[in-house]
C-alpha atoms as a PDB file:
ATOM      1  CA  UNK A   1     -24.677  12.231 -18.504  1.00  0.00           C
ATOM      2  CA  UNK A   2     -22.429  13.188 -21.372  1.00  0.00           C
ATOM      3  CA  UNK A   3     -23.173  11.966 -25.003  1.00  0.00           C
ATOM      4  CA  UNK A   4     -20.476   9.246 -24.811  1.00  0.00           C
ATOM      5  CA  UNK A   5     -21.733   7.891 -21.690  1.00  0.00           C
ATOM      6  CA  UNK A   6     -25.458   7.783 -22.805  1.00  0.00           C
ATOM      7  CA  UNK A   7     -24.233   6.119 -25.998  1.00  0.00           C
ATOM      8  CA  UNK A   8     -22.188   3.507 -24.194  1.00  0.00           C
ATOM      9  CA  UNK A   9     -25.282   2.830 -21.821  1.00  0.00           C
ATOM     10  CA  UNK A  10     -27.457   2.241 -25.252  1.00  0.00           C
ATOM     11  CA  UNK A  11     -24.823  -0.074 -26.403  1.00  0.00           C
ATOM     12  CA  UNK A  12     -24.988  -2.125 -22.877  1.00  0.00           C
ATOM     13  CA  UNK A  13     -28.881  -2.438 -23.287  1.00  0.00           C
ATOM     14  CA  UNK A  14     -28.536  -3.425 -27.026  1.00  0.00           C
ATOM     15  CA  UNK A  15     -25.767  -5.937 -26.992  1.00  0.00           C
ATOM     16  CA  UNK A  16     -25.949  -7.258 -23.154  1.00  0.00           C
ATOM     17  CA  UNK A  17     -28.464 -10.222 -24.057  1.00  0.00           C
ATOM     18  CA  UNK A  18     -26.216 -11.215 -27.041  1.00  0.00           C
ATOM     19  CA  UNK A  19     -22.938 -11.144 -25.555  1.00  0.00           C
ATOM     20  CA  UNK A  20     -24.094 -13.088 -22.435  1.00  0.00           C
ATOM     21  CA  UNK A  21     -25.139 -15.786 -24.786  1.00  0.00           C
ATOM     22  CA  UNK A  22     -21.620 -15.757 -26.975  1.00  0.00           C
ATOM     23  CA  UNK A  23     -20.061 -15.903 -23.555  1.00  0.00           C
ATOM     24  CA  UNK A  24     -22.202 -18.980 -22.292  1.00  0.00           C
ATOM     25  CA  UNK A  25     -21.532 -20.568 -25.775  1.00  0.00           C
ATOM     26  CA  UNK A  26     -17.791 -20.349 -25.362  1.00  0.00           C
ATOM     27  CA  UNK A  27     -18.196 -22.888 -22.538  1.00  0.00           C
ATOM     28  CA  UNK A  28     -17.955 -20.365 -19.757  1.00  0.00           C
ATOM     29  CA  UNK A  29     -19.848 -21.865 -16.618  1.00  0.00           C
ATOM     30  CA  UNK A  30     -23.181 -20.181 -16.074  1.00  0.00           C
ATOM     31  CA  UNK A  31     -22.367 -18.687 -12.764  1.00  0.00           C
ATOM     32  CA  UNK A  32     -19.307 -16.834 -14.515  1.00  0.00           C
ATOM     33  CA  UNK A  33     -21.214 -15.482 -17.634  1.00  0.00           C
ATOM     34  CA  UNK A  34     -22.215 -12.263 -16.038  1.00  0.00           C
ATOM     35  CA  UNK A  35     -18.914 -11.501 -14.736  1.00  0.00           C
ATOM     36  CA  UNK A  36     -16.994 -12.157 -18.017  1.00  0.00           C
ATOM     37  CA  UNK A  37     -19.805 -10.107 -19.798  1.00  0.00           C
ATOM     38  CA  UNK A  38     -19.203  -7.117 -17.265  1.00  0.00           C
ATOM     39  CA  UNK A  39     -15.619  -7.597 -17.683  1.00  0.00           C
ATOM     40  CA  UNK A  40     -15.735  -7.131 -21.626  1.00  0.00           C
ATOM     41  CA  UNK A  41     -18.233  -4.191 -21.347  1.00  0.00           C
ATOM     42  CA  UNK A  42     -15.134  -2.487 -18.869  1.00  0.00           C
ATOM     43  CA  UNK A  43     -12.692  -3.309 -21.199  1.00  0.00           C
ATOM     44  CA  UNK A  44     -14.576  -1.803 -24.348  1.00  0.00           C
ATOM     45  CA  UNK A  45     -15.799   1.367 -22.338  1.00  0.00           C
ATOM     46  CA  UNK A  46     -11.682   1.955 -21.570  1.00  0.00           C
ATOM     47  CA  UNK A  47     -11.004   1.492 -25.152  1.00  0.00           C
ATOM     48  CA  UNK A  48     -13.859   2.973 -26.552  1.00  0.00           C
ATOM     49  CA  UNK A  49     -11.636   6.026 -28.039  1.00  0.00           C
ATOM     50  CA  UNK A  50      -9.860   2.982 -30.084  1.00  0.00           C
ATOM     51  CA  UNK A  51     -13.063   1.662 -31.292  1.00  0.00           C
ATOM     52  CA  UNK A  52     -13.502   2.136 -35.204  1.00  0.00           C
ATOM     53  CA  UNK A  53     -16.909   3.708 -35.491  1.00  0.00           C
ATOM     54  CA  UNK A  54     -17.053   2.010 -39.362  1.00  0.00           C
ATOM     55  CA  UNK A  55     -16.977  -1.523 -37.565  1.00  0.00           C
ATOM     56  CA  UNK A  56     -19.628  -3.583 -35.863  1.00  0.00           C
ATOM     57  CA  UNK A  57     -19.682  -2.695 -32.253  1.00  0.00           C
ATOM     58  CA  UNK A  58     -21.086  -6.291 -31.248  1.00  0.00           C
ATOM     59  CA  UNK A  59     -18.383  -7.906 -33.360  1.00  0.00           C
ATOM     60  CA  UNK A  60     -15.658  -5.914 -31.459  1.00  0.00           C
ATOM     61  CA  UNK A  61     -17.329  -6.766 -28.060  1.00  0.00           C
ATOM     62  CA  UNK A  62     -17.501 -10.306 -28.709  1.00  0.00           C
ATOM     63  CA  UNK A  63     -13.471 -10.342 -29.723  1.00  0.00           C
ATOM     64  CA  UNK A  64     -12.754  -8.765 -26.275  1.00  0.00           C
ATOM     65  CA  UNK A  65     -15.151 -11.397 -24.513  1.00  0.00           C
ATOM     66  CA  UNK A  66     -13.215 -14.057 -26.409  1.00  0.00           C
ATOM     67  CA  UNK A  67      -9.999 -12.756 -25.366  1.00  0.00           C
ATOM     68  CA  UNK A  68     -10.991 -12.561 -21.705  1.00  0.00           C
ATOM     69  CA  UNK A  69     -12.029 -16.270 -21.855  1.00  0.00           C
ATOM     70  CA  UNK A  70      -8.763 -16.976 -23.839  1.00  0.00           C
ATOM     71  CA  UNK A  71      -6.886 -15.473 -20.529  1.00  0.00           C
ATOM     72  CA  UNK A  72      -9.194 -17.138 -18.121  1.00  0.00           C
ATOM     73  CA  UNK A  73      -8.348 -20.646 -19.651  1.00  0.00           C
ATOM     74  CA  UNK A  74      -4.567 -19.711 -19.621  1.00  0.00           C
ATOM     75  CA  UNK A  75      -4.961 -18.842 -15.672  1.00  0.00           C
ATOM     76  CA  UNK A  76      -6.638 -22.223 -14.963  1.00  0.00           C
ATOM     77  CA  UNK A  77      -4.187 -23.873 -16.826  1.00  0.00           C
ATOM     78  CA  UNK A  78      -1.423 -22.293 -14.578  1.00  0.00           C
ATOM     79  CA  UNK A  79      -3.431 -22.706 -11.539  1.00  0.00           C
ATOM     80  CA  UNK A  80      -4.883 -26.765 -12.310  1.00  0.00           C
ATOM     81  CA  UNK A  81      -1.527 -28.339 -12.579  1.00  0.00           C
ATOM     82  CA  UNK A  82      -2.472 -30.691  -9.971  1.00  0.00           C
ATOM     83  CA  UNK A  83      -4.951 -33.324 -11.258  1.00  0.00           C
ATOM     84  CA  UNK A  84      -6.408 -34.162  -7.848  1.00  0.00           C
ATOM     85  CA  UNK A  85      -5.918 -32.137  -4.987  1.00  0.00           C
ATOM     86  CA  UNK A  86      -7.131 -34.583  -2.330  1.00  0.00           C
ATOM     87  CA  UNK A  87      -4.926 -37.358  -3.709  1.00  0.00           C
ATOM     88  CA  UNK A  88      -2.123 -35.020  -3.925  1.00  0.00           C
ATOM     89  CA  UNK A  89      -2.378 -34.113  -0.179  1.00  0.00           C
ATOM     90  CA  UNK A  90      -2.750 -37.890   0.496  1.00  0.00           C
ATOM     91  CA  UNK A  91       0.310 -39.085  -1.297  1.00  0.00           C
ATOM     92  CA  UNK A  92       2.453 -35.793   0.289  1.00  0.00           C
ATOM     93  CA  UNK A  93       1.379 -37.411   3.678  1.00  0.00           C
ATOM     94  CA  UNK A  94       2.081 -40.814   2.974  1.00  0.00           C
ATOM     95  CA  UNK A  95       5.439 -39.894   1.707  1.00  0.00           C
ATOM     96  CA  UNK A  96       6.279 -37.998   4.686  1.00  0.00           C
ATOM     97  CA  UNK A  97       5.115 -40.796   7.052  1.00  0.00           C
ATOM     98  CA  UNK A  98       6.758 -43.392   5.286  1.00  0.00           C
ATOM     99  CA  UNK A  99      10.180 -41.923   3.994  1.00  0.00           C
ATOM    100  CA  UNK A 100      13.400 -43.524   5.311  1.00  0.00           C
ATOM    101  CA  UNK A 101      16.316 -41.606   4.192  1.00  0.00           C
ATOM    102  CA  UNK A 102      18.884 -43.865   2.252  1.00  0.00           C
ATOM    103  CA  UNK A 103      22.535 -44.214   3.078  1.00  0.00           C
ATOM    104  CA  UNK A 104      23.274 -43.984  -0.826  1.00  0.00           C
ATOM    105  CA  UNK A 105      24.752 -41.084  -1.806  1.00  0.00           C
ATOM    106  CA  UNK A 106      24.329 -41.580  -5.585  1.00  0.00           C
ATOM    107  CA  UNK A 107      27.236 -40.499  -8.032  1.00  0.00           C
ATOM    108  CA  UNK A 108      24.466 -38.267  -9.748  1.00  0.00           C
ATOM    109  CA  UNK A 109      24.080 -36.528  -6.256  1.00  0.00           C
ATOM    110  CA  UNK A 110      27.841 -35.976  -6.006  1.00  0.00           C
ATOM    111  CA  UNK A 111      28.413 -35.000  -9.407  1.00  0.00           C
ATOM    112  CA  UNK A 112      25.484 -32.344  -9.140  1.00  0.00           C
ATOM    113  CA  UNK A 113      26.935 -30.947  -5.817  1.00  0.00           C
ATOM    114  CA  UNK A 114      30.348 -30.469  -7.523  1.00  0.00           C
ATOM    115  CA  UNK A 115      28.799 -29.085 -10.460  1.00  0.00           C
ATOM    116  CA  UNK A 116      26.846 -26.507  -8.420  1.00  0.00           C
ATOM    117  CA  UNK A 117      29.818 -25.480  -6.281  1.00  0.00           C
ATOM    118  CA  UNK A 118      31.692 -24.906  -9.706  1.00  0.00           C
ATOM    119  CA  UNK A 119      29.176 -22.325 -10.802  1.00  0.00           C
ATOM    120  CA  UNK A 120      30.208 -18.771 -10.819  1.00  0.00           C
ATOM    121  CA  UNK A 121      28.712 -17.152  -7.270  1.00  0.00           C
ATOM    122  CA  UNK A 122      25.411 -15.223  -8.968  1.00  0.00           C
ATOM    123  CA  UNK A 123      24.520 -18.731 -10.671  1.00  0.00           C
ATOM    124  CA  UNK A 124      24.993 -20.609  -7.603  1.00  0.00           C
ATOM    125  CA  UNK A 125      23.026 -18.285  -5.500  1.00  0.00           C
ATOM    126  CA  UNK A 126      20.332 -18.145  -8.026  1.00  0.00           C
ATOM    127  CA  UNK A 127      20.033 -22.003  -7.831  1.00  0.00           C
ATOM    128  CA  UNK A 128      20.458 -21.982  -3.942  1.00  0.00           C
ATOM    129  CA  UNK A 129      17.467 -19.407  -3.822  1.00  0.00           C
ATOM    130  CA  UNK A 130      15.286 -20.825  -6.202  1.00  0.00           C
ATOM    131  CA  UNK A 131      15.581 -24.629  -5.237  1.00  0.00           C
ATOM    132  CA  UNK A 132      16.890 -24.873  -1.547  1.00  0.00           C
ATOM    133  CA  UNK A 133      15.053 -21.825  -0.235  1.00  0.00           C
ATOM    134  CA  UNK A 134      12.129 -22.337  -2.677  1.00  0.00           C
ATOM    135  CA  UNK A 135      11.712 -18.516  -3.595  1.00  0.00           C
ATOM    136  CA  UNK A 136       9.375 -17.694  -6.353  1.00  0.00           C
ATOM    137  CA  UNK A 137      10.400 -16.003  -9.699  1.00  0.00           C
ATOM    138  CA  UNK A 138       9.110 -12.590  -8.425  1.00  0.00           C
ATOM    139  CA  UNK A 139      10.994 -12.631  -5.578  1.00  0.00           C
ATOM    140  CA  UNK A 140      14.175 -13.722  -7.447  1.00  0.00           C
ATOM    141  CA  UNK A 141      13.622 -10.911  -9.635  1.00  0.00           C
ATOM    142  CA  UNK A 142      13.316  -8.370  -7.305  1.00  0.00           C
ATOM    143  CA  UNK A 143      16.637  -9.623  -5.226  1.00  0.00           C
ATOM    144  CA  UNK A 144      18.762  -9.788  -8.318  1.00  0.00           C
ATOM    145  CA  UNK A 145      17.305  -6.812 -10.145  1.00  0.00           C
ATOM    146  CA  UNK A 146      16.426  -8.852 -13.288  1.00  0.00           C
ATOM    147  CA  UNK A 147      12.918  -9.289 -14.934  1.00  0.00           C
ATOM    148  CA  UNK A 148      11.057 -12.447 -14.217  1.00  0.00           C
ATOM    149  CA  UNK A 149      11.674 -13.241 -17.963  1.00  0.00           C
ATOM    150  CA  UNK A 150      15.459 -12.913 -17.424  1.00  0.00           C
ATOM    151  CA  UNK A 151      15.186 -14.934 -14.217  1.00  0.00           C
ATOM    152  CA  UNK A 152      13.455 -17.845 -16.058  1.00  0.00           C
ATOM    153  CA  UNK A 153      15.924 -17.714 -18.649  1.00  0.00           C
ATOM    154  CA  UNK A 154      18.947 -17.615 -16.320  1.00  0.00           C
ATOM    155  CA  UNK A 155      17.702 -20.590 -14.433  1.00  0.00           C
ATOM    156  CA  UNK A 156      17.066 -22.589 -17.593  1.00  0.00           C
ATOM    157  CA  UNK A 157      20.782 -21.957 -18.907  1.00  0.00           C
ATOM    158  CA  UNK A 158      22.102 -22.771 -15.434  1.00  0.00           C
ATOM    159  CA  UNK A 159      20.188 -26.056 -15.448  1.00  0.00           C
ATOM    160  CA  UNK A 160      21.335 -26.871 -18.838  1.00  0.00           C
ATOM    161  CA  UNK A 161      24.914 -26.271 -17.678  1.00  0.00           C
ATOM    162  CA  UNK A 162      24.608 -28.415 -14.764  1.00  0.00           C
ATOM    163  CA  UNK A 163      22.996 -31.004 -16.774  1.00  0.00           C
ATOM    164  CA  UNK A 164      25.980 -31.018 -19.241  1.00  0.00           C
ATOM    165  CA  UNK A 165      28.401 -30.846 -16.317  1.00  0.00           C
ATOM    166  CA  UNK A 166      26.829 -33.788 -14.564  1.00  0.00           C
ATOM    167  CA  UNK A 167      26.646 -35.876 -17.872  1.00  0.00           C
ATOM    168  CA  UNK A 168      30.298 -35.236 -18.332  1.00  0.00           C
ATOM    169  CA  UNK A 169      31.341 -36.024 -14.868  1.00  0.00           C
ATOM    170  CA  UNK A 170      29.358 -39.300 -15.013  1.00  0.00           C
ATOM    171  CA  UNK A 171      30.587 -40.219 -18.496  1.00  0.00           C
ATOM    172  CA  UNK A 172      27.226 -40.153 -20.075  1.00  0.00           C
ATOM    173  CA  UNK A 173      27.208 -39.271 -23.803  1.00  0.00           C
END
Protein backbone atom coordinates (compact mmCIF):
# COMPACT_ATOMS: atom_id res chain seq x y z
CA UNK A 1 0.00 0.00 0.00
CA UNK A 2 1.49 3.34 -0.99
CA UNK A 3 1.76 6.31 1.35
CA UNK A 4 -1.35 8.05 0.00
CA UNK A 5 -3.53 4.97 0.47
CA UNK A 6 -2.21 4.41 3.98
CA UNK A 7 -2.82 8.05 4.88
CA UNK A 8 -6.35 7.92 3.50
CA UNK A 9 -7.07 4.69 5.43
CA UNK A 10 -5.94 6.50 8.58
CA UNK A 11 -8.27 9.42 7.76
CA UNK A 12 -11.17 7.00 7.38
CA UNK A 13 -10.47 5.45 10.78
CA UNK A 14 -10.10 8.88 12.36
CA UNK A 15 -13.15 10.59 10.81
CA UNK A 16 -15.64 7.76 10.19
CA UNK A 17 -17.58 8.01 13.45
CA UNK A 18 -17.71 11.79 13.40
CA UNK A 19 -18.81 11.86 9.76
CA UNK A 20 -21.57 9.32 10.41
CA UNK A 21 -22.82 11.41 13.35
CA UNK A 22 -22.68 14.56 11.22
CA UNK A 23 -24.65 12.90 8.39
CA UNK A 24 -27.26 11.61 10.84
CA UNK A 25 -27.47 15.11 12.28
CA UNK A 26 -28.42 16.40 8.83
CA UNK A 27 -31.63 14.40 9.07
CA UNK A 28 -30.57 11.39 7.02
CA UNK A 29 -32.47 8.24 7.90
CA UNK A 30 -30.38 5.82 9.93
CA UNK A 31 -30.44 3.09 7.27
CA UNK A 32 -28.84 5.49 4.76
CA UNK A 33 -26.17 7.09 6.95
CA UNK A 34 -23.47 4.54 6.06
CA UNK A 35 -24.18 4.93 2.33
CA UNK A 36 -23.87 8.72 2.47
CA UNK A 37 -20.70 8.53 4.58
CA UNK A 38 -19.16 5.98 2.23
CA UNK A 39 -20.02 8.12 -0.77
CA UNK A 40 -18.40 11.12 0.92
CA UNK A 41 -15.21 9.14 1.51
CA UNK A 42 -15.23 7.99 -2.14
CA UNK A 43 -15.61 11.54 -3.41
CA UNK A 44 -12.87 12.69 -1.06
CA UNK A 45 -10.58 9.91 -2.26
CA UNK A 46 -11.19 10.78 -5.91
CA UNK A 47 -10.54 14.47 -5.22
CA UNK A 48 -7.70 14.01 -2.74
CA UNK A 49 -5.28 15.78 -5.05
CA UNK A 50 -7.50 18.89 -4.82
CA UNK A 51 -7.43 18.95 -1.01
CA UNK A 52 -5.41 21.82 0.46
CA UNK A 53 -3.14 20.27 3.13
CA UNK A 54 -3.34 23.49 5.17
CA UNK A 55 -7.08 23.02 5.72
CA UNK A 56 -8.93 20.75 8.14
CA UNK A 57 -9.69 17.39 6.47
CA UNK A 58 -12.76 16.86 8.69
CA UNK A 59 -14.35 20.16 7.59
CA UNK A 60 -13.64 19.33 3.96
CA UNK A 61 -15.16 15.87 4.37
CA UNK A 62 -18.26 17.27 6.10
CA UNK A 63 -18.66 19.77 3.24
CA UNK A 64 -18.63 16.89 0.76
CA UNK A 65 -21.21 15.00 2.83
CA UNK A 66 -23.37 18.13 3.06
CA UNK A 67 -23.32 18.44 -0.75
CA UNK A 68 -24.26 14.78 -1.16
CA UNK A 69 -27.22 15.22 1.20
CA UNK A 70 -28.22 18.39 -0.67
CA UNK A 71 -28.16 16.43 -3.95
CA UNK A 72 -30.27 13.67 -2.37
CA UNK A 73 -32.83 16.29 -1.33
CA UNK A 74 -33.01 17.56 -4.92
CA UNK A 75 -33.42 14.02 -6.25
CA UNK A 76 -36.17 13.30 -3.74
CA UNK A 77 -37.96 16.53 -4.60
CA UNK A 78 -38.00 15.51 -8.26
CA UNK A 79 -39.09 11.96 -7.49
CA UNK A 80 -41.73 12.84 -4.89
CA UNK A 81 -44.07 15.01 -6.89
CA UNK A 82 -46.99 12.70 -6.14
CA UNK A 83 -48.43 13.37 -2.66
CA UNK A 84 -49.98 9.96 -2.12
CA UNK A 85 -49.27 7.23 -4.65
CA UNK A 86 -52.23 5.02 -3.68
CA UNK A 87 -54.62 7.99 -3.83
CA UNK A 88 -53.29 8.96 -7.25
CA UNK A 89 -53.76 5.39 -8.55
CA UNK A 90 -57.31 5.38 -7.18
CA UNK A 91 -58.18 8.73 -8.78
CA UNK A 92 -56.66 7.74 -12.12
CA UNK A 93 -58.69 4.51 -12.14
CA UNK A 94 -61.88 6.38 -11.15
CA UNK A 95 -61.34 8.88 -13.94
CA UNK A 96 -60.84 6.12 -16.50
CA UNK A 97 -63.93 4.24 -15.35
CA UNK A 98 -66.25 7.24 -15.09
CA UNK A 99 -65.01 9.40 -17.92
CA UNK A 100 -67.60 10.30 -20.51
CA UNK A 101 -66.26 12.30 -23.42
CA UNK A 102 -68.08 15.52 -23.99
CA UNK A 103 -69.56 16.56 -27.30
CA UNK A 104 -68.36 20.05 -26.49
CA UNK A 105 -65.29 21.08 -28.44
CA UNK A 106 -64.65 24.32 -26.63
CA UNK A 107 -63.44 27.45 -28.33
CA UNK A 108 -60.15 27.05 -26.44
CA UNK A 109 -59.52 23.62 -27.99
CA UNK A 110 -60.29 24.91 -31.48
CA UNK A 111 -58.06 27.93 -30.99
CA UNK A 112 -55.22 25.78 -29.66
CA UNK A 113 -55.54 23.35 -32.57
CA UNK A 114 -55.36 26.22 -35.04
CA UNK A 115 -52.39 27.77 -33.23
CA UNK A 116 -50.50 24.46 -33.21
CA UNK A 117 -51.11 24.00 -36.93
CA UNK A 118 -49.66 27.48 -37.51
CA UNK A 119 -46.37 26.65 -35.80
CA UNK A 120 -43.19 26.08 -37.82
CA UNK A 121 -42.64 22.39 -38.62
CA UNK A 122 -39.89 21.82 -36.06
CA UNK A 123 -41.86 23.49 -33.26
CA UNK A 124 -45.04 21.61 -34.14
CA UNK A 125 -43.11 18.33 -34.25
CA UNK A 126 -41.52 19.05 -30.86
CA UNK A 127 -44.92 19.79 -29.27
CA UNK A 128 -46.52 16.68 -30.79
CA UNK A 129 -43.70 14.40 -29.70
CA UNK A 130 -43.69 15.86 -26.18
CA UNK A 131 -47.42 15.97 -25.48
CA UNK A 132 -49.15 13.58 -27.87
CA UNK A 133 -46.46 10.90 -27.99
CA UNK A 134 -45.38 11.66 -24.39
CA UNK A 135 -41.65 11.45 -25.14
CA UNK A 136 -39.28 12.58 -22.41
CA UNK A 137 -36.73 15.37 -22.71
CA UNK A 138 -33.80 12.98 -23.16
CA UNK A 139 -35.45 11.23 -26.11
CA UNK A 140 -36.34 14.58 -27.66
CA UNK A 141 -32.80 15.91 -27.24
CA UNK A 142 -31.46 12.89 -29.13
CA UNK A 143 -34.04 13.18 -31.92
CA UNK A 144 -33.63 16.92 -32.39
CA UNK A 145 -29.87 16.95 -31.77
CA UNK A 146 -30.26 19.51 -28.98
CA UNK A 147 -29.28 19.54 -25.32
CA UNK A 148 -31.93 18.74 -22.74
CA UNK A 149 -31.77 22.35 -21.55
CA UNK A 150 -32.29 23.62 -25.10
CA UNK A 151 -35.33 21.31 -25.46
CA UNK A 152 -36.86 22.63 -22.23
CA UNK A 153 -36.26 26.24 -23.29
CA UNK A 154 -37.70 25.61 -26.76
CA UNK A 155 -40.80 24.00 -25.24
CA UNK A 156 -41.22 26.94 -22.86
CA UNK A 157 -41.02 29.41 -25.75
CA UNK A 158 -43.44 27.38 -27.87
CA UNK A 159 -45.93 27.17 -24.99
CA UNK A 160 -45.68 30.94 -24.52
CA UNK A 161 -46.33 31.47 -28.25
CA UNK A 162 -49.29 29.11 -28.13
CA UNK A 163 -50.74 30.89 -25.11
CA UNK A 164 -50.39 34.26 -26.82
CA UNK A 165 -51.96 32.86 -30.00
CA UNK A 166 -54.90 31.29 -28.13
CA UNK A 167 -55.44 34.46 -26.11
CA UNK A 168 -55.42 36.52 -29.35
CA UNK A 169 -57.87 34.17 -31.12
CA UNK A 170 -60.24 34.18 -28.16
CA UNK A 171 -60.00 37.95 -27.68
CA UNK A 172 -58.41 37.72 -24.22
CA UNK A 173 -56.23 40.57 -23.09
